[in-house]
PDB file of N, CA and C in Angstrom:
ATOM      1  N   MET A   1      83.187  73.027 103.786  1.00  0.00           N
ATOM      2  CA  MET A   1      83.553  72.224 105.337  1.00  0.00           C
ATOM      3  C   MET A   1      84.240  73.381 106.274  1.00  0.00           C
ATOM      4  N   LYS A   2      83.708  73.629 107.169  1.00  0.00           N
ATOM      5  CA  LYS A   2      84.739  74.559 107.654  1.00  0.00           C
ATOM      6  C   LYS A   2      86.183  73.688 108.879  1.00  0.00           C
ATOM      7  N   VAL A   3      87.078  74.317 108.534  1.00  0.00           N
ATOM      8  CA  VAL A   3      88.122  73.877 108.634  1.00  0.00           C
ATOM      9  C   VAL A   3      88.773  74.949 110.064  1.00  0.00           C
ATOM     10  N   ASN A   4      89.059  74.542 111.410  1.00  0.00           N
ATOM     11  CA  ASN A   4      89.967  75.018 112.149  1.00  0.00           C
ATOM     12  C   ASN A   4      91.536  75.155 112.516  1.00  0.00           C
ATOM     13  N   THR A   5      92.274  76.066 112.083  1.00  0.00           N
ATOM     14  CA  THR A   5      93.182  76.360 111.665  1.00  0.00           C
ATOM     15  C   THR A   5      94.587  76.690 113.280  1.00  0.00           C
ATOM     16  N   GLN A   6      95.073  76.013 114.118  1.00  0.00           N
ATOM     17  CA  GLN A   6      95.710  76.108 114.887  1.00  0.00           C
ATOM     18  C   GLN A   6      97.221  76.075 114.377  1.00  0.00           C
ATOM     19  N   SER A   7      97.805  77.191 114.690  1.00  0.00           N
ATOM     20  CA  SER A   7      99.103  76.419 114.663  1.00  0.00           C
ATOM     21  C   SER A   7      99.740  77.055 116.332  1.00  0.00           C
ATOM     22  N   VAL A   8     100.890  76.420 116.468  1.00  0.00           N
ATOM     23  CA  VAL A   8     101.655  76.317 117.959  1.00  0.00           C
ATOM     24  C   VAL A   8     102.845  76.557 117.787  1.00  0.00           C
ATOM     25  N   ASN A   9     103.467  77.462 118.195  1.00  0.00           N
ATOM     26  CA  ASN A   9     104.884  77.650 118.895  1.00  0.00           C
ATOM     27  C   ASN A   9     104.805  78.858 117.460  1.00  0.00           C
ATOM     28  N   PHE A  10     104.296  79.226 116.270  1.00  0.00           N
ATOM     29  CA  PHE A  10     104.224  80.133 115.176  1.00  0.00           C
ATOM     30  C   PHE A  10     102.865  81.036 114.659  1.00  0.00           C
ATOM     31  N   ASN A  11     103.693  81.562 114.123  1.00  0.00           N
ATOM     32  CA  ASN A  11     101.847  82.725 113.532  1.00  0.00           C
ATOM     33  C   ASN A  11     101.625  82.051 111.512  1.00  0.00           C
ATOM     34  N   ALA A  12     100.518  81.446 111.548  1.00  0.00           N
ATOM     35  CA  ALA A  12     100.925  80.787 110.080  1.00  0.00           C
ATOM     36  C   ALA A  12     100.166  81.846 109.811  1.00  0.00           C
ATOM     37  N   ASP A  13     100.217  82.621 108.388  1.00  0.00           N
ATOM     38  CA  ASP A  13      99.951  83.451 107.418  1.00  0.00           C
ATOM     39  C   ASP A  13      98.803  82.843 107.141  1.00  0.00           C
ATOM     40  N   GLU A  14      98.090  83.818 106.333  1.00  0.00           N
ATOM     41  CA  GLU A  14      96.593  83.979 105.551  1.00  0.00           C
ATOM     42  C   GLU A  14      96.786  82.716 104.587  1.00  0.00           C
ATOM     43  N   LYS A  15      98.095  82.908 103.570  1.00  0.00           N
ATOM     44  CA  LYS A  15      98.234  82.534 102.425  1.00  0.00           C
ATOM     45  C   LYS A  15      98.314  80.736 102.353  1.00  0.00           C
ATOM     46  N   LEU A  16      99.078  80.252 103.622  1.00  0.00           N
ATOM     47  CA  LEU A  16      99.162  79.138 103.931  1.00  0.00           C
ATOM     48  C   LEU A  16      97.528  78.356 104.594  1.00  0.00           C
ATOM     49  N   ILE A  17      97.173  79.274 105.413  1.00  0.00           N
ATOM     50  CA  ILE A  17      95.646  79.089 105.658  1.00  0.00           C
ATOM     51  C   ILE A  17      95.012  79.095 104.787  1.00  0.00           C
ATOM     52  N   SER A  18      94.670  80.265 103.805  1.00  0.00           N
ATOM     53  CA  SER A  18      93.845  79.507 102.433  1.00  0.00           C
ATOM     54  C   SER A  18      94.218  78.499 101.849  1.00  0.00           C
ATOM     55  N   PHE A  19      95.305  78.160 101.237  1.00  0.00           N
ATOM     56  CA  PHE A  19      96.290  76.305 100.735  1.00  0.00           C
ATOM     57  C   PHE A  19      95.757  75.445 101.632  1.00  0.00           C
ATOM     58  N   ILE A  20      95.588  75.432 103.238  1.00  0.00           N
ATOM     59  CA  ILE A  20      95.603  74.346 103.459  1.00  0.00           C
ATOM     60  C   ILE A  20      93.226  74.025 103.547  1.00  0.00           C
ATOM     61  N   GLN A  21      93.130  75.356 103.391  1.00  0.00           N
ATOM     62  CA  GLN A  21      90.973  75.401 103.158  1.00  0.00           C
ATOM     63  C   GLN A  21      90.875  74.640 101.521  1.00  0.00           C
ATOM     64  N   GLN A  22      91.904  75.346 100.789  1.00  0.00           N
ATOM     65  CA  GLN A  22      91.244  75.071  99.345  1.00  0.00           C
ATOM     66  C   GLN A  22      91.882  73.668  99.269  1.00  0.00           C
ATOM     67  N   ARG A  23      92.485  72.882 100.085  1.00  0.00           N
ATOM     68  CA  ARG A  23      93.330  71.503 100.211  1.00  0.00           C
ATOM     69  C   ARG A  23      91.664  70.702 100.548  1.00  0.00           C
ATOM     70  N   MET A  24      91.732  71.225 101.750  1.00  0.00           N
ATOM     71  CA  MET A  24      90.582  70.781 102.652  1.00  0.00           C
ATOM     72  C   MET A  24      89.563  70.721 102.050  1.00  0.00           C
ATOM     73  N   ASP A  25      88.746  70.895 101.460  1.00  0.00           N
ATOM     74  CA  ASP A  25      87.799  70.822 100.863  1.00  0.00           C
ATOM     75  C   ASP A  25      87.264  70.142  99.655  1.00  0.00           C
ATOM     76  N   LYS A  26      88.738  69.525  99.302  1.00  0.00           N
ATOM     77  CA  LYS A  26      88.317  68.961  98.042  1.00  0.00           C
ATOM     78  C   LYS A  26      88.060  67.695  98.355  1.00  0.00           C
ATOM     79  N   LEU A  27      88.203  67.504 100.107  1.00  0.00           N
ATOM     80  CA  LEU A  27      88.242  66.318 100.501  1.00  0.00           C
ATOM     81  C   LEU A  27      86.124  66.323 100.601  1.00  0.00           C
ATOM     82  N   ASP A  28      85.212  67.182 100.321  1.00  0.00           N
ATOM     83  CA  ASP A  28      83.727  66.963  99.722  1.00  0.00           C
ATOM     84  C   ASP A  28      83.448  66.812  99.057  1.00  0.00           C
ATOM     85  N   MET A  29      84.444  66.305  97.870  1.00  0.00           N
ATOM     86  CA  MET A  29      84.137  65.290  96.360  1.00  0.00           C
ATOM     87  C   MET A  29      83.629  63.835  96.296  1.00  0.00           C
ATOM     88  N   PHE A  30      84.700  63.577  97.907  1.00  0.00           N
ATOM     89  CA  PHE A  30      85.233  62.295  97.670  1.00  0.00           C
ATOM     90  C   PHE A  30      84.309  61.645  98.672  1.00  0.00           C
ATOM     91  N   TYR A  31      83.433  62.954  99.595  1.00  0.00           N
ATOM     92  CA  TYR A  31      82.824  62.101 101.025  1.00  0.00           C
ATOM     93  C   TYR A  31      82.269  63.013 100.832  1.00  0.00           C
ATOM     94  N   ASP A  32      80.889  63.180 100.554  1.00  0.00           N
ATOM     95  CA  ASP A  32      79.968  64.843 101.514  1.00  0.00           C
ATOM     96  C   ASP A  32      79.604  64.930 102.540  1.00  0.00           C
ATOM     97  N   LYS A  33      79.785  63.756 103.574  1.00  0.00           N
ATOM     98  CA  LYS A  33      79.112  63.883 104.894  1.00  0.00           C
ATOM     99  C   LYS A  33      80.018  64.248 106.078  1.00  0.00           C
ATOM    100  N   VAL A  34      81.000  65.243 105.695  1.00  0.00           N
ATOM    101  CA  VAL A  34      82.280  65.438 106.306  1.00  0.00           C
ATOM    102  C   VAL A  34      81.846  66.316 107.396  1.00  0.00           C
ATOM    103  N   ILE A  35      81.527  66.560 108.508  1.00  0.00           N
ATOM    104  CA  ILE A  35      81.146  67.591 109.458  1.00  0.00           C
ATOM    105  C   ILE A  35      82.090  68.700 109.729  1.00  0.00           C
ATOM    106  N   LYS A  36      83.467  68.573 109.809  1.00  0.00           N
ATOM    107  CA  LYS A  36      84.382  69.471 110.124  1.00  0.00           C
ATOM    108  C   LYS A  36      86.034  68.896 110.237  1.00  0.00           C
ATOM    109  N   SER A  37      86.636  69.808 110.498  1.00  0.00           N
ATOM    110  CA  SER A  37      88.132  69.201 110.376  1.00  0.00           C
ATOM    111  C   SER A  37      89.123  70.410 111.077  1.00  0.00           C
ATOM    112  N   ASP A  38      89.881  69.424 111.980  1.00  0.00           N
ATOM    113  CA  ASP A  38      90.681  70.420 112.566  1.00  0.00           C
ATOM    114  C   ASP A  38      92.203  69.645 112.456  1.00  0.00           C
ATOM    115  N   VAL A  39      92.561  71.278 112.187  1.00  0.00           N
ATOM    116  CA  VAL A  39      94.390  71.281 111.891  1.00  0.00           C
ATOM    117  C   VAL A  39      95.227  71.683 112.531  1.00  0.00           C
ATOM    118  N   PHE A  40      96.100  70.977 112.656  1.00  0.00           N
ATOM    119  CA  PHE A  40      97.194  71.699 113.975  1.00  0.00           C
ATOM    120  C   PHE A  40      98.533  71.478 113.025  1.00  0.00           C
ATOM    121  N   LEU A  41      98.957  72.759 113.117  1.00  0.00           N
ATOM    122  CA  LEU A  41     100.240  73.054 112.548  1.00  0.00           C
ATOM    123  C   LEU A  41     101.728  73.218 113.954  1.00  0.00           C
ATOM    124  N   LYS A  42     102.327  72.411 113.329  1.00  0.00           N
ATOM    125  CA  LYS A  42     103.783  72.494 114.523  1.00  0.00           C
ATOM    126  C   LYS A  42     104.699  72.693 114.224  1.00  0.00           C
ATOM    127  N   VAL A  43     105.895  73.069 114.128  1.00  0.00           N
ATOM    128  CA  VAL A  43     107.469  73.212 114.511  1.00  0.00           C
ATOM    129  C   VAL A  43     107.954  72.470 115.252  1.00  0.00           C
ATOM    130  N   GLU A  44     109.330  71.534 114.970  1.00  0.00           N
ATOM    131  CA  GLU A  44     109.604  70.945 115.790  1.00  0.00           C
ATOM    132  C   GLU A  44     111.176  71.512 115.944  1.00  0.00           C
ATOM    133  N   ASN A  45     111.544  71.818 117.215  1.00  0.00           N
ATOM    134  CA  ASN A  45     112.717  72.243 117.446  1.00  0.00           C
ATOM    135  C   ASN A  45     114.048  71.177 117.124  1.00  0.00           C
ATOM    136  N   MET A  46     113.908  71.220 115.769  1.00  0.00           N
ATOM    137  CA  MET A  46     114.979  69.455 115.808  1.00  0.00           C
ATOM    138  C   MET A  46     115.992  70.860 114.254  1.00  0.00           C
ATOM    139  N   SER A  47     117.430  69.618 114.766  1.00  0.00           N
ATOM    140  CA  SER A  47     118.300  70.270 113.953  1.00  0.00           C
ATOM    141  C   SER A  47     118.314  69.380 112.482  1.00  0.00           C
ATOM    142  N   GLY A  48     116.820  68.743 112.242  1.00  0.00           N
ATOM    143  CA  GLY A  48     116.529  68.333 110.689  1.00  0.00           C
ATOM    144  C   GLY A  48     116.099  69.343 109.619  1.00  0.00           C
ATOM    145  N   LYS A  49     115.717  68.880 108.676  1.00  0.00           N
ATOM    146  CA  LYS A  49     115.110  69.873 107.344  1.00  0.00           C
ATOM    147  C   LYS A  49     113.413  69.444 107.705  1.00  0.00           C
ATOM    148  N   GLU A  50     112.925  68.283 108.007  1.00  0.00           N
ATOM    149  CA  GLU A  50     112.328  67.881 108.515  1.00  0.00           C
ATOM    150  C   GLU A  50     111.117  68.115 109.487  1.00  0.00           C
ATOM    151  N   ASN A  51     111.228  69.755 109.936  1.00  0.00           N
ATOM    152  CA  ASN A  51     110.651  70.049 111.066  1.00  0.00           C
ATOM    153  C   ASN A  51     109.242  70.729 111.772  1.00  0.00           C
ATOM    154  N   LYS A  52     108.734  70.336 110.175  1.00  0.00           N
ATOM    155  CA  LYS A  52     106.789  71.088 110.300  1.00  0.00           C
ATOM    156  C   LYS A  52     105.910  69.458 110.380  1.00  0.00           C
ATOM    157  N   ILE A  53     105.220  69.671 110.853  1.00  0.00           N
ATOM    158  CA  ILE A  53     104.166  68.418 111.170  1.00  0.00           C
ATOM    159  C   ILE A  53     102.852  69.094 111.249  1.00  0.00           C
ATOM    160  N   PHE A  54     102.599  68.403 110.331  1.00  0.00           N
ATOM    161  CA  PHE A  54     100.954  68.724 109.898  1.00  0.00           C
ATOM    162  C   PHE A  54     100.219  67.906 110.011  1.00  0.00           C
ATOM    163  N   GLU A  55      99.010  68.023 111.031  1.00  0.00           N
ATOM    164  CA  GLU A  55      97.794  66.574 112.160  1.00  0.00           C
ATOM    165  C   GLU A  55      96.636  67.611 111.304  1.00  0.00           C
ATOM    166  N   ALA A  56      96.506  66.717 110.744  1.00  0.00           N
ATOM    167  CA  ALA A  56      94.554  66.928 110.859  1.00  0.00           C
ATOM    168  C   ALA A  56      93.346  65.682 111.207  1.00  0.00           C
ATOM    169  N   LYS A  57      93.089  66.310 111.596  1.00  0.00           N
ATOM    170  CA  LYS A  57      91.121  65.404 111.883  1.00  0.00           C
ATOM    171  C   LYS A  57      90.373  66.111 111.588  1.00  0.00           C
ATOM    172  N   VAL A  58      89.741  64.998 110.620  1.00  0.00           N
ATOM    173  CA  VAL A  58      88.393  65.256 109.915  1.00  0.00           C
ATOM    174  C   VAL A  58      87.189  64.103 110.964  1.00  0.00           C
ATOM    175  N   SER A  59      85.760  64.553 111.162  1.00  0.00           N
ATOM    176  CA  SER A  59      84.846  64.475 111.961  1.00  0.00           C
ATOM    177  C   SER A  59      83.516  63.960 110.465  1.00  0.00           C
ATOM    178  N   VAL A  60      83.403  62.790 110.565  1.00  0.00           N
ATOM    179  CA  VAL A  60      82.770  62.009 109.598  1.00  0.00           C
ATOM    180  C   VAL A  60      81.515  61.799 110.624  1.00  0.00           C
ATOM    181  N   PRO A  61      80.177  61.806 110.390  1.00  0.00           N
ATOM    182  CA  PRO A  61      79.011  61.127 111.300  1.00  0.00           C
ATOM    183  C   PRO A  61      79.545  59.377 111.540  1.00  0.00           C
ATOM    184  N   GLY A  62      79.477  59.340 112.789  1.00  0.00           N
ATOM    185  CA  GLY A  62      79.906  58.374 114.130  1.00  0.00           C
ATOM    186  C   GLY A  62      81.255  57.647 113.971  1.00  0.00           C
ATOM    187  N   ASP A  63      82.509  58.693 113.381  1.00  0.00           N
ATOM    188  CA  ASP A  63      83.818  58.254 113.471  1.00  0.00           C
ATOM    189  C   ASP A  63      84.361  59.567 113.044  1.00  0.00           C
ATOM    190  N   SER A  64      86.384  59.371 113.148  1.00  0.00           N
ATOM    191  CA  SER A  64      86.769  60.601 112.181  1.00  0.00           C
ATOM    192  C   SER A  64      87.919  60.224 111.982  1.00  0.00           C
ATOM    193  N   PHE A  65      88.630  60.312 111.364  1.00  0.00           N
ATOM    194  CA  PHE A  65      90.351  60.226 110.025  1.00  0.00           C
ATOM    195  C   PHE A  65      91.208  61.297 111.439  1.00  0.00           C
ATOM    196  N   VAL A  66      92.504  60.423 111.964  1.00  0.00           N
ATOM    197  CA  VAL A  66      93.415  61.524 112.158  1.00  0.00           C
ATOM    198  C   VAL A  66      94.433  61.412 111.340  1.00  0.00           C
ATOM    199  N   VAL A  67      95.300  62.558 110.612  1.00  0.00           N
ATOM    200  CA  VAL A  67      96.722  61.930 110.089  1.00  0.00           C
ATOM    201  C   VAL A  67      97.385  63.255 110.063  1.00  0.00           C
ATOM    202  N   LYS A  68      98.787  62.124 110.561  1.00  0.00           N
ATOM    203  CA  LYS A  68      99.674  63.051 110.683  1.00  0.00           C
ATOM    204  C   LYS A  68     100.711  62.409 109.729  1.00  0.00           C
ATOM    205  N   LYS A  69     101.714  64.470 109.583  1.00  0.00           N
ATOM    206  CA  LYS A  69     102.738  64.190 108.325  1.00  0.00           C
ATOM    207  C   LYS A  69     103.792  64.784 109.104  1.00  0.00           C
ATOM    208  N   GLN A  70     105.083  64.383 108.506  1.00  0.00           N
ATOM    209  CA  GLN A  70     105.808  65.020 109.338  1.00  0.00           C
ATOM    210  C   GLN A  70     107.007  65.706 108.152  1.00  0.00           C
ATOM    211  N   CYS A  71     106.915  66.860 107.315  1.00  0.00           N
ATOM    212  CA  CYS A  71     107.917  67.600 106.173  1.00  0.00           C
ATOM    213  C   CYS A  71     108.493  68.415 106.685  1.00  0.00           C
ATOM    214  N   LYS A  72     108.767  68.758 105.089  1.00  0.00           N
ATOM    215  CA  LYS A  72     109.817  70.210 105.077  1.00  0.00           C
ATOM    216  C   LYS A  72     109.527  71.135 105.502  1.00  0.00           C
ATOM    217  N   THR A  73     108.040  71.312 103.994  1.00  0.00           N
ATOM    218  CA  THR A  73     106.964  72.351 104.033  1.00  0.00           C
ATOM    219  C   THR A  73     105.904  71.869 104.784  1.00  0.00           C
ATOM    220  N   PHE A  74     104.949  73.332 105.460  1.00  0.00           N
ATOM    221  CA  PHE A  74     103.209  72.583 105.394  1.00  0.00           C
ATOM    222  C   PHE A  74     102.981  72.171 104.181  1.00  0.00           C
ATOM    223  N   GLU A  75     102.999  72.889 102.789  1.00  0.00           N
ATOM    224  CA  GLU A  75     102.635  72.252 101.532  1.00  0.00           C
ATOM    225  C   GLU A  75     102.365  71.389 102.069  1.00  0.00           C
ATOM    226  N   GLU A  76     103.731  70.395 101.444  1.00  0.00           N
ATOM    227  CA  GLU A  76     103.923  69.359 101.207  1.00  0.00           C
ATOM    228  C   GLU A  76     103.005  68.225 101.766  1.00  0.00           C
ATOM    229  N   GLY A  77     102.893  68.856 103.738  1.00  0.00           N
ATOM    230  CA  GLY A  77     102.607  67.757 104.418  1.00  0.00           C
ATOM    231  C   GLY A  77     100.940  67.952 103.811  1.00  0.00           C
ATOM    232  N   VAL A  78     100.564  69.256 103.416  1.00  0.00           N
ATOM    233  CA  VAL A  78      98.750  69.024 103.239  1.00  0.00           C
ATOM    234  C   VAL A  78      98.521  67.959 102.391  1.00  0.00           C
ATOM    235  N   ASP A  79      99.592  68.082 101.666  1.00  0.00           N
ATOM    236  CA  ASP A  79      99.183  67.453 100.131  1.00  0.00           C
ATOM    237  C   ASP A  79      99.298  65.856 100.556  1.00  0.00           C
ATOM    238  N   MET A  80      99.982  65.467 101.431  1.00  0.00           N
ATOM    239  CA  MET A  80     100.250  64.162 101.474  1.00  0.00           C
ATOM    240  C   MET A  80      98.735  63.596 102.733  1.00  0.00           C
ATOM    241  N   ALA A  81      98.914  64.437 103.275  1.00  0.00           N
ATOM    242  CA  ALA A  81      97.956  64.201 104.459  1.00  0.00           C
ATOM    243  C   ALA A  81      96.268  64.211 103.274  1.00  0.00           C
ATOM    244  N   VAL A  82      95.940  65.036 102.541  1.00  0.00           N
ATOM    245  CA  VAL A  82      95.114  65.470 101.852  1.00  0.00           C
ATOM    246  C   VAL A  82      95.120  63.920 101.062  1.00  0.00           C
ATOM    247  N   ALA A  83      95.703  63.765 100.630  1.00  0.00           N
ATOM    248  CA  ALA A  83      95.960  62.692  99.575  1.00  0.00           C
ATOM    249  C   ALA A  83      95.777  61.293 100.307  1.00  0.00           C
ATOM    250  N   SER A  84      96.206  61.564 101.623  1.00  0.00           N
ATOM    251  CA  SER A  84      95.832  60.348 102.868  1.00  0.00           C
ATOM    252  C   SER A  84      94.528  60.051 103.035  1.00  0.00           C
ATOM    253  N   LEU A  85      93.654  61.462 103.457  1.00  0.00           N
ATOM    254  CA  LEU A  85      92.546  61.294 103.472  1.00  0.00           C
ATOM    255  C   LEU A  85      91.790  61.038 102.759  1.00  0.00           C
ATOM    256  N   GLU A  86      92.357  61.482 101.518  1.00  0.00           N
ATOM    257  CA  GLU A  86      91.052  61.122 100.753  1.00  0.00           C
ATOM    258  C   GLU A  86      90.517  59.400  99.903  1.00  0.00           C
ATOM    259  N   ARG A  87      91.905  58.685 100.521  1.00  0.00           N
ATOM    260  CA  ARG A  87      92.055  57.599 100.607  1.00  0.00           C
ATOM    261  C   ARG A  87      91.086  56.334 101.595  1.00  0.00           C
ATOM    262  N   GLN A  88      91.524  57.174 102.242  1.00  0.00           N
ATOM    263  CA  GLN A  88      90.164  56.822 104.032  1.00  0.00           C
ATOM    264  C   GLN A  88      88.577  57.038 103.693  1.00  0.00           C
ATOM    265  N   LEU A  89      88.591  58.350 103.043  1.00  0.00           N
ATOM    266  CA  LEU A  89      86.786  58.567 102.842  1.00  0.00           C
ATOM    267  C   LEU A  89      86.606  57.677 101.557  1.00  0.00           C
ATOM    268  N   LYS A  90      87.251  57.744 100.949  1.00  0.00           N
ATOM    269  CA  LYS A  90      86.531  56.413  99.490  1.00  0.00           C
ATOM    270  C   LYS A  90      86.255  55.235 100.224  1.00  0.00           C
ATOM    271  N   LYS A  91      87.834  54.951 100.985  1.00  0.00           N
ATOM    272  CA  LYS A  91      86.949  53.502 101.598  1.00  0.00           C
ATOM    273  C   LYS A  91      86.198  53.117 102.076  1.00  0.00           C
ATOM    274  N   ARG A  92      85.811  54.509 103.163  1.00  0.00           N
ATOM    275  CA  ARG A  92      84.375  53.903 104.143  1.00  0.00           C
ATOM    276  C   ARG A  92      83.749  54.893 103.387  1.00  0.00           C
ATOM    277  N   LYS A  93      83.209  54.723 102.203  1.00  0.00           N
ATOM    278  CA  LYS A  93      82.050  55.200 101.308  1.00  0.00           C
ATOM    279  C   LYS A  93      81.881  54.227 100.918  1.00  0.00           C
ATOM    280  N   GLU A  94      82.830  53.340  99.921  1.00  0.00           N
ATOM    281  CA  GLU A  94      82.448  51.595  99.451  1.00  0.00           C
ATOM    282  C   GLU A  94      81.956  50.972 100.458  1.00  0.00           C
ATOM    283  N   LYS A  95      82.748  51.174 101.593  1.00  0.00           N
ATOM    284  CA  LYS A  95      81.716  50.032 103.126  1.00  0.00           C
ATOM    285  C   LYS A  95      80.240  50.274 103.336  1.00  0.00           C
ATOM    286  N   LEU A  96      80.453  51.422 103.095  1.00  0.00           N
ATOM    287  CA  LEU A  96      79.197  52.088 103.571  1.00  0.00           C
ATOM    288  C   LEU A  96      77.686  51.126 102.383  1.00  0.00           C
ATOM    289  N   ARG A  97      78.278  51.489 101.843  1.00  0.00           N
ATOM    290  CA  ARG A  97      77.856  51.277 100.189  1.00  0.00           C
ATOM    291  C   ARG A  97      77.528  49.221 100.591  1.00  0.00           C
ATOM    292  N   SER A  98      78.577  49.084 100.802  1.00  0.00           N
ATOM    293  CA  SER A  98      78.448  47.723 100.163  1.00  0.00           C
ATOM    294  C   SER A  98      77.372  46.798 101.290  1.00  0.00           C
ATOM    295  N   HIS A  99      77.078  48.242 102.541  1.00  0.00           N
ATOM    296  CA  HIS A  99      75.846  47.176 103.603  1.00  0.00           C
ATOM    297  C   HIS A  99      74.646  47.923 103.397  1.00  0.00           C
ATOM    298  N   LEU A 100      74.785  48.867 102.029  1.00  0.00           N
ATOM    299  CA  LEU A 100      73.357  48.861 101.880  1.00  0.00           C
ATOM    300  C   LEU A 100      72.699  48.029 101.065  1.00  0.00           C
TER     301      LEU A 100
END
């Protein structure tokens, strides 16, 4: 799956981008018709520790899923977002199966 990663207000290192690519590739196991995904990494200027925002938009035929997570690290946000997307994609796949 093609993952377009954009970082806002900072430069993401290669390690983080490859980590995101690996995690997002796992979504293909749950739903094989994923067209593409857009990932946005943002750092908020706040005094709190949870200032990292991970936002992902996954496009499938006829629909798209958006997940936004705010965490202490981007890795934690990626894991939480992928888990949420897994549930959504499984639900969509079951719904499509029930209509056949």
